[in-house]
Amino acid sequence: MTLSIPSAHAATPDVSAARSRATAWWREPLLHFAILGAALFGIDHFMALRTDDPHLIVIPAEVDEQARQLFKGSRGREPNGEELAALRKTWLDNEVLYREGLALQLDKGDSAIRERVIFKALSTVDANTRLPDHDDKLLKEWFEAHRVKYDEPARYDFQEAVLAGDAAEATVRAFVAKLNSGTSGDAEAGLRVYKARPQPTLAQSFGPEFASLLERATPGQWQAMPTRDGWRAIRVEAVTPPRRVTFEDVHGPVLQDWTDATLAEQRSAAVQDLARKYTVRNGVAAQ
C-alpha cells in the first residue's frame, strides 16, 4: 500500500544515540561528583548547616527539594528513591571533601570558592589511587560481566502519523484502520520519521507498553499504540537485529572503562573512609 501522508510536521531528528547504559548519569564516578554537586546545589547556597561539632554534618531539608526540582527540570519527571539517594550522597561526598580540604588548609587563596577546595581535596585522594595488576583474562571477565554496555541493541525505523486534534484511543484506531485499508490520510495527519532508534531507549522515550508493541509489530502495517503522551498511529519500517560484540572488537574501550571504574571505586572507598569521622543527620540543626 502506498501512503500519501504529507510531512506537514517537521520530521524528528534522526536519533541514533548510543544505547542507554546501565550506569546512568546519577551513577557517574566519584571524579565527577564535585562538578555534579556544584551544578545541582550551587557553590554556597546549600552548604551543610554548621554546628559546634566539626564532625557533625546536618543536611538541610532544602537539599532534597532542590535535587527534585533540578532533576525534574532535566529529566521531565520526579527522581525515584534510588536516584534521590544518589544525589543526596553526591552532596554529602562533596561536603566531606570540602571539610577535609579545609582541615588540610587547602582553602588558602580560595576561601570563598567551595568547588576549588573540593577539587583540591579530591586531588589528594586521587594521588593515592593505584591500578592493580591486570591482563586480558581479567579484562575479559569484566567485559562479560558488563556486556550489556557493549553489545549493539536492536534498532527500529518507524513512522508516526500525527493526528491534528483528538488523539483518543478510538480516534487513533479508526484512523489506523483507514490507513491500512488504503485510504489517504492527507487531510488529517502529518508524518514523523524515526530512524535507527535503539531498543533500550524506546521504553524511556515512549513508555514500556509502546516498546513491547513495537518489538512485536509487523513491518509495513499501521498500528495504534499507547505512549506516555497518549495514543499514536505507528508503522514499523525496518528492524536491525541486535549484535553481540567480541572482546577483541572493544578491547580499547573495555580497558578504559575498567580503569575508570576501578579508580572510581578506590576514590569512593577513600571518601567513605573519610566520612566515618563525621556524624550525618537530616533536617534543620538547632539554632
C-alpha atoms as a PDB file:
ATOM      1  CA  MET A   1       0.000   0.000   0.000  1.00  0.00           C
ATOM      2  CA  THR A   2       1.338   3.431  -0.899  1.00  0.00           C
ATOM      3  CA  LEU A   3       0.646   6.101   1.670  1.00  0.00           C
ATOM      4  CA  SER A   4       0.378   9.752   0.818  1.00  0.00           C
ATOM      5  CA  ILE A   5       0.548  11.352   4.226  1.00  0.00           C
ATOM      6  CA  PRO A   6       2.394  14.655   3.809  1.00  0.00           C
ATOM      7  CA  SER A   7       5.215  15.725   6.068  1.00  0.00           C
ATOM      8  CA  ALA A   8       3.198  18.605   7.446  1.00  0.00           C
ATOM      9  CA  HIS A   9       5.159  18.453  10.689  1.00  0.00           C
ATOM     10  CA  ALA A  10       8.905  18.663  10.626  1.00  0.00           C
ATOM     11  CA  ALA A  11      10.347  15.183  10.912  1.00  0.00           C
ATOM     12  CA  THR A  12      12.007  14.463  14.213  1.00  0.00           C
ATOM     13  CA  PRO A  13      15.810  14.332  14.094  1.00  0.00           C
ATOM     14  CA  ASP A  14      17.485  11.060  13.203  1.00  0.00           C
ATOM     15  CA  VAL A  15      18.099   9.786  16.692  1.00  0.00           C
ATOM     16  CA  SER A  16      20.949   7.305  16.680  1.00  0.00           C
ATOM     17  CA  ALA A  17      22.338   7.913  20.134  1.00  0.00           C
ATOM     18  CA  ALA A  18      24.237   5.084  21.787  1.00  0.00           C
ATOM     19  CA  ARG A  19      22.226   2.706  23.935  1.00  0.00           C
ATOM     20  CA  SER A  20      21.343   3.797  27.390  1.00  0.00           C
ATOM     21  CA  ARG A  21      23.879   2.318  29.745  1.00  0.00           C
ATOM     22  CA  ALA A  22      23.063   0.588  32.968  1.00  0.00           C
ATOM     23  CA  THR A  23      25.170   3.218  34.673  1.00  0.00           C
ATOM     24  CA  ALA A  24      23.102   6.311  34.180  1.00  0.00           C
ATOM     25  CA  TRP A  25      24.245   9.878  34.908  1.00  0.00           C
ATOM     26  CA  TRP A  26      23.376   9.646  38.605  1.00  0.00           C
ATOM     27  CA  ARG A  27      25.913   6.769  38.910  1.00  0.00           C
ATOM     28  CA  GLU A  28      28.860   8.655  37.438  1.00  0.00           C
ATOM     29  CA  PRO A  29      32.286   8.011  39.041  1.00  0.00           C
ATOM     30  CA  LEU A  30      33.317   9.977  42.099  1.00  0.00           C
ATOM     31  CA  LEU A  31      35.656  12.036  39.900  1.00  0.00           C
ATOM     32  CA  HIS A  32      32.564  13.827  38.604  1.00  0.00           C
ATOM     33  CA  PHE A  33      30.933  14.374  41.984  1.00  0.00           C
ATOM     34  CA  ALA A  34      32.311  17.860  42.504  1.00  0.00           C
ATOM     35  CA  ILE A  35      31.059  19.042  39.131  1.00  0.00           C
ATOM     36  CA  LEU A  36      27.666  17.411  39.610  1.00  0.00           C
ATOM     37  CA  GLY A  37      27.325  18.703  43.139  1.00  0.00           C
ATOM     38  CA  ALA A  38      28.082  22.256  42.065  1.00  0.00           C
ATOM     39  CA  ALA A  39      25.560  22.043  39.254  1.00  0.00           C
ATOM     40  CA  LEU A  40      22.862  20.594  41.497  1.00  0.00           C
ATOM     41  CA  PHE A  41      23.167  22.631  44.627  1.00  0.00           C
ATOM     42  CA  GLY A  42      25.240  25.703  43.830  1.00  0.00           C
ATOM     43  CA  ILE A  43      28.539  26.628  45.386  1.00  0.00           C
ATOM     44  CA  ASP A  44      27.473  28.168  48.687  1.00  0.00           C
ATOM     45  CA  HIS A  45      23.673  28.177  48.904  1.00  0.00           C
ATOM     46  CA  PHE A  46      23.244  24.620  50.193  1.00  0.00           C
ATOM     47  CA  MET A  47      26.251  24.190  52.429  1.00  0.00           C
ATOM     48  CA  ALA A  48      25.694  21.963  55.435  1.00  0.00           C
ATOM     49  CA  LEU A  49      24.214  23.624  58.462  1.00  0.00           C
ATOM     50  CA  ARG A  50      27.131  24.456  60.732  1.00  0.00           C
ATOM     51  CA  THR A  51      27.201  23.265  64.319  1.00  0.00           C
ATOM     52  CA  ASP A  52      29.711  23.481  67.131  1.00  0.00           C
ATOM     53  CA  ASP A  53      30.765  19.916  66.392  1.00  0.00           C
ATOM     54  CA  PRO A  54      33.177  19.920  63.393  1.00  0.00           C
ATOM     55  CA  HIS A  55      32.437  16.242  62.845  1.00  0.00           C
ATOM     56  CA  LEU A  56      28.675  16.686  62.609  1.00  0.00           C
ATOM     57  CA  ILE A  57      27.135  17.252  59.171  1.00  0.00           C
ATOM     58  CA  VAL A  58      23.475  18.263  59.099  1.00  0.00           C
ATOM     59  CA  ILE A  59      21.904  18.011  55.657  1.00  0.00           C
ATOM     60  CA  PRO A  60      19.345  20.788  55.139  1.00  0.00           C
ATOM     61  CA  ALA A  61      15.890  19.714  54.007  1.00  0.00           C
ATOM     62  CA  GLU A  62      16.297  22.072  51.041  1.00  0.00           C
ATOM     63  CA  VAL A  63      18.857  19.707  49.501  1.00  0.00           C
ATOM     64  CA  ASP A  64      16.235  17.084  48.611  1.00  0.00           C
ATOM     65  CA  GLU A  65      13.801  19.703  47.351  1.00  0.00           C
ATOM     66  CA  GLN A  66      16.421  21.352  45.141  1.00  0.00           C
ATOM     67  CA  ALA A  67      17.523  17.940  43.857  1.00  0.00           C
ATOM     68  CA  ARG A  68      13.937  17.052  42.938  1.00  0.00           C
ATOM     69  CA  GLN A  69      13.375  20.355  41.131  1.00  0.00           C
ATOM     70  CA  LEU A  70      16.580  20.210  39.118  1.00  0.00           C
ATOM     71  CA  PHE A  71      16.168  16.515  38.318  1.00  0.00           C
ATOM     72  CA  LYS A  72      12.605  17.100  37.133  1.00  0.00           C
ATOM     73  CA  GLY A  73      13.689  20.083  35.055  1.00  0.00           C
ATOM     74  CA  SER A  74      16.389  17.969  33.416  1.00  0.00           C
ATOM     75  CA  ARG A  75      14.550  14.646  33.095  1.00  0.00           C
ATOM     76  CA  GLY A  76      10.907  15.687  32.957  1.00  0.00           C
ATOM     77  CA  ARG A  77       9.966  13.518  35.933  1.00  0.00           C
ATOM     78  CA  GLU A  78      10.494  13.173  39.669  1.00  0.00           C
ATOM     79  CA  PRO A  79      13.562  11.167  40.792  1.00  0.00           C
ATOM     80  CA  ASN A  80      12.848   7.775  42.284  1.00  0.00           C
ATOM     81  CA  GLY A  81      14.146   6.765  45.703  1.00  0.00           C
ATOM     82  CA  GLU A  82      17.414   5.349  44.389  1.00  0.00           C
ATOM     83  CA  GLU A  83      18.116   8.429  42.262  1.00  0.00           C
ATOM     84  CA  LEU A  84      17.333  10.833  45.111  1.00  0.00           C
ATOM     85  CA  ALA A  85      19.586   8.868  47.463  1.00  0.00           C
ATOM     86  CA  ALA A  86      22.401   9.015  44.893  1.00  0.00           C
ATOM     87  CA  LEU A  87      22.007  12.793  44.568  1.00  0.00           C
ATOM     88  CA  ARG A  88      21.999  13.215  48.348  1.00  0.00           C
ATOM     89  CA  LYS A  89      25.166  11.074  48.569  1.00  0.00           C
ATOM     90  CA  THR A  90      26.798  13.268  45.922  1.00  0.00           C
ATOM     91  CA  TRP A  91      26.067  16.325  48.045  1.00  0.00           C
ATOM     92  CA  LEU A  92      27.345  14.597  51.180  1.00  0.00           C
ATOM     93  CA  ASP A  93      30.565  13.424  49.483  1.00  0.00           C
ATOM     94  CA  ASN A  94      31.209  16.995  48.365  1.00  0.00           C
ATOM     95  CA  GLU A  95      30.663  18.287  51.906  1.00  0.00           C
ATOM     96  CA  VAL A  96      33.089  15.675  53.295  1.00  0.00           C
ATOM     97  CA  LEU A  97      35.714  16.603  50.693  1.00  0.00           C
ATOM     98  CA  TYR A  98      35.167  20.295  51.418  1.00  0.00           C
ATOM     99  CA  ARG A  99      35.685  19.835  55.154  1.00  0.00           C
ATOM    100  CA  GLU A 100      38.740  17.639  54.602  1.00  0.00           C
ATOM    101  CA  GLY A 101      40.127  20.297  52.281  1.00  0.00           C
ATOM    102  CA  LEU A 102      39.622  22.928  54.955  1.00  0.00           C
ATOM    103  CA  ALA A 103      41.281  20.680  57.538  1.00  0.00           C
ATOM    104  CA  LEU A 104      44.298  20.357  55.216  1.00  0.00           C
ATOM    105  CA  GLN A 105      44.258  24.143  54.723  1.00  0.00           C
ATOM    106  CA  LEU A 106      43.642  23.686  51.012  1.00  0.00           C
ATOM    107  CA  ASP A 107      41.433  26.754  51.072  1.00  0.00           C
ATOM    108  CA  LYS A 108      44.404  29.113  51.223  1.00  0.00           C
ATOM    109  CA  GLY A 109      43.839  31.655  48.481  1.00  0.00           C
ATOM    110  CA  ASP A 110      40.431  30.151  47.698  1.00  0.00           C
ATOM    111  CA  SER A 111      38.482  30.695  50.909  1.00  0.00           C
ATOM    112  CA  ALA A 112      35.330  31.819  49.077  1.00  0.00           C
ATOM    113  CA  ILE A 113      35.377  29.218  46.303  1.00  0.00           C
ATOM    114  CA  ARG A 114      33.934  25.961  47.570  1.00  0.00           C
ATOM    115  CA  GLU A 115      34.364  23.827  44.462  1.00  0.00           C
ATOM    116  CA  ARG A 116      38.071  24.557  44.217  1.00  0.00           C
ATOM    117  CA  VAL A 117      38.568  23.295  47.753  1.00  0.00           C
ATOM    118  CA  ILE A 118      36.616  20.142  46.839  1.00  0.00           C
ATOM    119  CA  PHE A 119      38.755  19.569  43.747  1.00  0.00           C
ATOM    120  CA  LYS A 120      41.939  20.068  45.758  1.00  0.00           C
ATOM    121  CA  ALA A 121      40.774  17.540  48.359  1.00  0.00           C
ATOM    122  CA  LEU A 122      39.799  15.104  45.623  1.00  0.00           C
ATOM    123  CA  SER A 123      43.222  15.546  44.038  1.00  0.00           C
ATOM    124  CA  THR A 124      44.735  14.472  47.352  1.00  0.00           C
ATOM    125  CA  VAL A 125      42.525  11.377  47.294  1.00  0.00           C
ATOM    126  CA  ASP A 126      43.452  10.724  43.650  1.00  0.00           C
ATOM    127  CA  ALA A 127      47.144  10.786  44.448  1.00  0.00           C
ATOM    128  CA  ASN A 128      46.678   7.604  46.485  1.00  0.00           C
ATOM    129  CA  THR A 129      44.780   5.603  43.835  1.00  0.00           C
ATOM    130  CA  ARG A 130      46.669   2.864  42.035  1.00  0.00           C
ATOM    131  CA  LEU A 131      45.561   0.463  39.324  1.00  0.00           C
ATOM    132  CA  PRO A 132      46.048  -3.186  40.309  1.00  0.00           C
ATOM    133  CA  ASP A 133      47.893  -5.577  38.033  1.00  0.00           C
ATOM    134  CA  HIS A 134      45.689  -6.676  35.150  1.00  0.00           C
ATOM    135  CA  ASP A 135      45.782  -8.752  31.993  1.00  0.00           C
ATOM    136  CA  ASP A 136      43.412  -9.718  29.189  1.00  0.00           C
ATOM    137  CA  LYS A 137      41.950 -12.543  31.271  1.00  0.00           C
ATOM    138  CA  LEU A 138      40.807 -10.092  33.940  1.00  0.00           C
ATOM    139  CA  LEU A 139      39.555  -7.616  31.324  1.00  0.00           C
ATOM    140  CA  LYS A 140      37.590 -10.349  29.514  1.00  0.00           C
ATOM    141  CA  GLU A 141      35.879 -11.325  32.753  1.00  0.00           C
ATOM    142  CA  TRP A 142      34.979  -7.681  33.376  1.00  0.00           C
ATOM    143  CA  PHE A 143      33.754  -7.349  29.788  1.00  0.00           C
ATOM    144  CA  GLU A 144      31.446 -10.358  30.120  1.00  0.00           C
ATOM    145  CA  ALA A 145      30.041  -9.014  33.381  1.00  0.00           C
ATOM    146  CA  HIS A 146      29.272  -5.684  31.672  1.00  0.00           C
ATOM    147  CA  ARG A 147      28.453  -6.958  28.193  1.00  0.00           C
ATOM    148  CA  VAL A 148      25.180  -5.013  28.049  1.00  0.00           C
ATOM    149  CA  LYS A 149      27.257  -1.830  27.749  1.00  0.00           C
ATOM    150  CA  TYR A 150      28.948  -3.028  24.555  1.00  0.00           C
ATOM    151  CA  ASP A 151      26.577  -5.259  22.585  1.00  0.00           C
ATOM    152  CA  GLU A 152      24.701  -3.463  19.809  1.00  0.00           C
ATOM    153  CA  PRO A 153      20.957  -3.360  20.569  1.00  0.00           C
ATOM    154  CA  ALA A 154      18.190  -3.879  18.055  1.00  0.00           C
ATOM    155  CA  ARG A 155      17.310  -0.650  16.214  1.00  0.00           C
ATOM    156  CA  TYR A 156      13.967   0.395  14.763  1.00  0.00           C
ATOM    157  CA  ASP A 157      12.999   2.604  11.845  1.00  0.00           C
ATOM    158  CA  PHE A 158       9.371   3.660  12.213  1.00  0.00           C
ATOM    159  CA  GLN A 159       6.913   6.370  11.225  1.00  0.00           C
ATOM    160  CA  GLU A 160       4.197   8.170  13.124  1.00  0.00           C
ATOM    161  CA  ALA A 161       1.081   9.617  11.504  1.00  0.00           C
ATOM    162  CA  VAL A 162       0.393  12.661  13.659  1.00  0.00           C
ATOM    163  CA  LEU A 163      -3.288  13.438  14.015  1.00  0.00           C
ATOM    164  CA  ALA A 164      -4.371  17.027  14.482  1.00  0.00           C
ATOM    165  CA  GLY A 165      -6.775  17.465  17.373  1.00  0.00           C
ATOM    166  CA  ASP A 166      -8.369  14.467  19.066  1.00  0.00           C
ATOM    167  CA  ALA A 167      -5.918  11.626  19.733  1.00  0.00           C
ATOM    168  CA  ALA A 168      -8.161   9.408  21.851  1.00  0.00           C
ATOM    169  CA  GLU A 169      -7.744   5.654  21.509  1.00  0.00           C
ATOM    170  CA  ALA A 170     -10.935   5.200  19.449  1.00  0.00           C
ATOM    171  CA  THR A 171      -9.992   8.033  17.101  1.00  0.00           C
ATOM    172  CA  VAL A 172      -6.472   6.711  16.535  1.00  0.00           C
ATOM    173  CA  ARG A 173      -7.696   3.146  15.982  1.00  0.00           C
ATOM    174  CA  ALA A 174     -10.223   4.351  13.414  1.00  0.00           C
ATOM    175  CA  PHE A 175      -7.529   6.355  11.668  1.00  0.00           C
ATOM    176  CA  VAL A 176      -5.173   3.343  11.626  1.00  0.00           C
ATOM    177  CA  ALA A 177      -7.909   1.181  10.080  1.00  0.00           C
ATOM    178  CA  LYS A 178      -8.368   3.826   7.384  1.00  0.00           C
ATOM    179  CA  LEU A 179      -4.636   3.910   6.638  1.00  0.00           C
ATOM    180  CA  ASN A 180      -4.345   0.120   6.441  1.00  0.00           C
ATOM    181  CA  SER A 181      -7.326  -0.010   4.071  1.00  0.00           C
ATOM    182  CA  GLY A 182      -5.519   2.249   1.620  1.00  0.00           C
ATOM    183  CA  THR A 183      -7.473   5.422   2.307  1.00  0.00           C
ATOM    184  CA  SER A 184      -5.383   8.576   2.082  1.00  0.00           C
ATOM    185  CA  GLY A 185      -4.774  10.443   5.312  1.00  0.00           C
ATOM    186  CA  ASP A 186      -3.629  13.653   3.615  1.00  0.00           C
ATOM    187  CA  ALA A 187      -6.191  15.911   5.209  1.00  0.00           C
ATOM    188  CA  GLU A 188      -5.855  14.512   8.690  1.00  0.00           C
ATOM    189  CA  ALA A 189      -2.205  13.982   9.621  1.00  0.00           C
ATOM    190  CA  GLY A 190       1.413  14.878   9.210  1.00  0.00           C
ATOM    191  CA  LEU A 191       4.287  12.421   9.284  1.00  0.00           C
ATOM    192  CA  ARG A 192       7.170  11.974  11.706  1.00  0.00           C
ATOM    193  CA  VAL A 193      10.055   9.701  10.834  1.00  0.00           C
ATOM    194  CA  TYR A 194      12.276   7.954  13.377  1.00  0.00           C
ATOM    195  CA  LYS A 195      15.484   6.291  12.216  1.00  0.00           C
ATOM    196  CA  ALA A 196      17.596   3.646  13.953  1.00  0.00           C
ATOM    197  CA  ARG A 197      16.084   4.121  17.402  1.00  0.00           C
ATOM    198  CA  PRO A 198      17.962   1.814  19.871  1.00  0.00           C
ATOM    199  CA  GLN A 199      15.653  -0.640  21.604  1.00  0.00           C
ATOM    200  CA  PRO A 200      16.702   0.384  25.168  1.00  0.00           C
ATOM    201  CA  THR A 201      15.608   3.992  24.540  1.00  0.00           C
ATOM    202  CA  LEU A 202      12.080   3.118  23.419  1.00  0.00           C
ATOM    203  CA  ALA A 203      10.660   2.468  26.885  1.00  0.00           C
ATOM    204  CA  GLN A 204      12.367   5.584  28.245  1.00  0.00           C
ATOM    205  CA  SER A 205      11.049   7.843  25.483  1.00  0.00           C
ATOM    206  CA  PHE A 206       7.624   6.365  24.745  1.00  0.00           C
ATOM    207  CA  GLY A 207       6.789   4.018  27.615  1.00  0.00           C
ATOM    208  CA  PRO A 208       7.217   0.266  28.260  1.00  0.00           C
ATOM    209  CA  GLU A 209       3.931  -0.756  26.597  1.00  0.00           C
ATOM    210  CA  PHE A 210       4.868   1.084  23.405  1.00  0.00           C
ATOM    211  CA  ALA A 211       8.297  -0.579  23.377  1.00  0.00           C
ATOM    212  CA  SER A 212       6.762  -4.025  23.779  1.00  0.00           C
ATOM    213  CA  LEU A 213       4.220  -3.447  20.993  1.00  0.00           C
ATOM    214  CA  LEU A 214       6.853  -2.035  18.644  1.00  0.00           C
ATOM    215  CA  GLU A 215       9.034  -5.102  19.106  1.00  0.00           C
ATOM    216  CA  ARG A 216       6.106  -7.353  18.093  1.00  0.00           C
ATOM    217  CA  ALA A 217       4.754  -5.140  15.299  1.00  0.00           C
ATOM    218  CA  THR A 218       4.558  -6.341  11.697  1.00  0.00           C
ATOM    219  CA  PRO A 219       6.675  -4.102   9.447  1.00  0.00           C
ATOM    220  CA  GLY A 220       4.624  -2.178   6.913  1.00  0.00           C
ATOM    221  CA  GLN A 221       1.381  -2.205   8.929  1.00  0.00           C
ATOM    222  CA  TRP A 222      -0.045   0.757  10.805  1.00  0.00           C
ATOM    223  CA  GLN A 223      -0.908   0.099  14.435  1.00  0.00           C
ATOM    224  CA  ALA A 224      -2.444   2.133  17.248  1.00  0.00           C
ATOM    225  CA  MET A 225      -0.005   2.231  20.159  1.00  0.00           C
ATOM    226  CA  PRO A 226      -0.211   3.838  23.609  1.00  0.00           C
ATOM    227  CA  THR A 227       2.664   6.099  24.667  1.00  0.00           C
ATOM    228  CA  ARG A 228       3.451   8.262  27.671  1.00  0.00           C
ATOM    229  CA  ASP A 229       1.800  11.159  25.833  1.00  0.00           C
ATOM    230  CA  GLY A 230      -1.279   9.379  24.510  1.00  0.00           C
ATOM    231  CA  TRP A 231      -2.212   7.152  21.578  1.00  0.00           C
ATOM    232  CA  ARG A 232      -0.264   7.262  18.315  1.00  0.00           C
ATOM    233  CA  ALA A 233      -0.520   5.738  14.845  1.00  0.00           C
ATOM    234  CA  ILE A 234       2.765   3.916  14.211  1.00  0.00           C
ATOM    235  CA  ARG A 235       4.199   1.880  11.330  1.00  0.00           C
ATOM    236  CA  VAL A 236       7.475  -0.042  11.660  1.00  0.00           C
ATOM    237  CA  GLU A 237       9.575   0.280   8.508  1.00  0.00           C
ATOM    238  CA  ALA A 238      12.640  -1.806   9.335  1.00  0.00           C
ATOM    239  CA  VAL A 239      14.328  -3.595  12.218  1.00  0.00           C
ATOM    240  CA  THR A 240      18.079  -4.016  12.597  1.00  0.00           C
ATOM    241  CA  PRO A 241      18.701  -7.082  14.791  1.00  0.00           C
ATOM    242  CA  PRO A 242      20.977  -6.890  17.844  1.00  0.00           C
ATOM    243  CA  ARG A 243      24.647  -7.814  17.505  1.00  0.00           C
ATOM    244  CA  ARG A 244      26.892  -9.390  20.117  1.00  0.00           C
ATOM    245  CA  VAL A 245      30.381  -7.935  20.003  1.00  0.00           C
ATOM    246  CA  THR A 246      33.585  -9.778  20.850  1.00  0.00           C
ATOM    247  CA  PHE A 247      36.134  -8.731  23.428  1.00  0.00           C
ATOM    248  CA  GLU A 248      38.608  -8.065  20.624  1.00  0.00           C
ATOM    249  CA  ASP A 249      36.140  -5.647  18.992  1.00  0.00           C
ATOM    250  CA  VAL A 250      36.099  -3.373  22.045  1.00  0.00           C
ATOM    251  CA  HIS A 251      39.416  -4.074  23.782  1.00  0.00           C
ATOM    252  CA  GLY A 252      40.364  -0.385  23.975  1.00  0.00           C
ATOM    253  CA  PRO A 253      37.045   0.895  25.371  1.00  0.00           C
ATOM    254  CA  VAL A 254      36.901  -2.015  27.834  1.00  0.00           C
ATOM    255  CA  LEU A 255      40.370  -1.188  29.176  1.00  0.00           C
ATOM    256  CA  GLN A 256      39.404   2.465  29.589  1.00  0.00           C
ATOM    257  CA  ASP A 257      36.061   1.655  31.226  1.00  0.00           C
ATOM    258  CA  TRP A 258      37.671  -0.858  33.589  1.00  0.00           C
ATOM    259  CA  THR A 259      40.333   1.715  34.506  1.00  0.00           C
ATOM    260  CA  ASP A 260      37.703   4.397  35.183  1.00  0.00           C
ATOM    261  CA  ALA A 261      35.530   2.034  37.211  1.00  0.00           C
ATOM    262  CA  THR A 262      38.431   0.677  39.265  1.00  0.00           C
ATOM    263  CA  LEU A 263      39.773   4.111  40.141  1.00  0.00           C
ATOM    264  CA  ALA A 264      36.248   5.377  40.870  1.00  0.00           C
ATOM    265  CA  GLU A 265      35.739   2.512  43.339  1.00  0.00           C
ATOM    266  CA  GLN A 266      39.004   3.406  45.071  1.00  0.00           C
ATOM    267  CA  ARG A 267      38.036   7.087  45.258  1.00  0.00           C
ATOM    268  CA  SER A 268      34.593   6.257  46.604  1.00  0.00           C
ATOM    269  CA  ALA A 269      36.058   3.934  49.242  1.00  0.00           C
ATOM    270  CA  ALA A 270      38.576   6.615  50.257  1.00  0.00           C
ATOM    271  CA  VAL A 271      35.847   9.250  50.678  1.00  0.00           C
ATOM    272  CA  GLN A 272      33.733   6.787  52.658  1.00  0.00           C
ATOM    273  CA  ASP A 273      36.698   6.232  54.978  1.00  0.00           C
ATOM    274  CA  LEU A 274      36.976   9.994  55.461  1.00  0.00           C
ATOM    275  CA  ALA A 275      33.225  10.242  56.071  1.00  0.00           C
ATOM    276  CA  ARG A 276      33.412   7.818  59.013  1.00  0.00           C
ATOM    277  CA  LYS A 277      34.753  10.589  61.214  1.00  0.00           C
ATOM    278  CA  TYR A 278      31.536  12.581  60.698  1.00  0.00           C
ATOM    279  CA  THR A 279      28.069  12.155  62.111  1.00  0.00           C
ATOM    280  CA  VAL A 280      25.424  12.849  59.469  1.00  0.00           C
ATOM    281  CA  ARG A 281      21.892  13.983  60.254  1.00  0.00           C
ATOM    282  CA  ASN A 282      18.984  15.085  58.114  1.00  0.00           C
ATOM    283  CA  GLY A 283      16.886  18.094  58.988  1.00  0.00           C
ATOM    284  CA  VAL A 284      17.495  21.512  60.466  1.00  0.00           C
ATOM    285  CA  ALA A 285      20.142  21.980  63.116  1.00  0.00           C
ATOM    286  CA  ALA A 286      19.218  23.515  66.412  1.00  0.00           C
ATOM    287  CA  GLN A 287      19.769  27.247  66.384  1.00  0.00           C
END
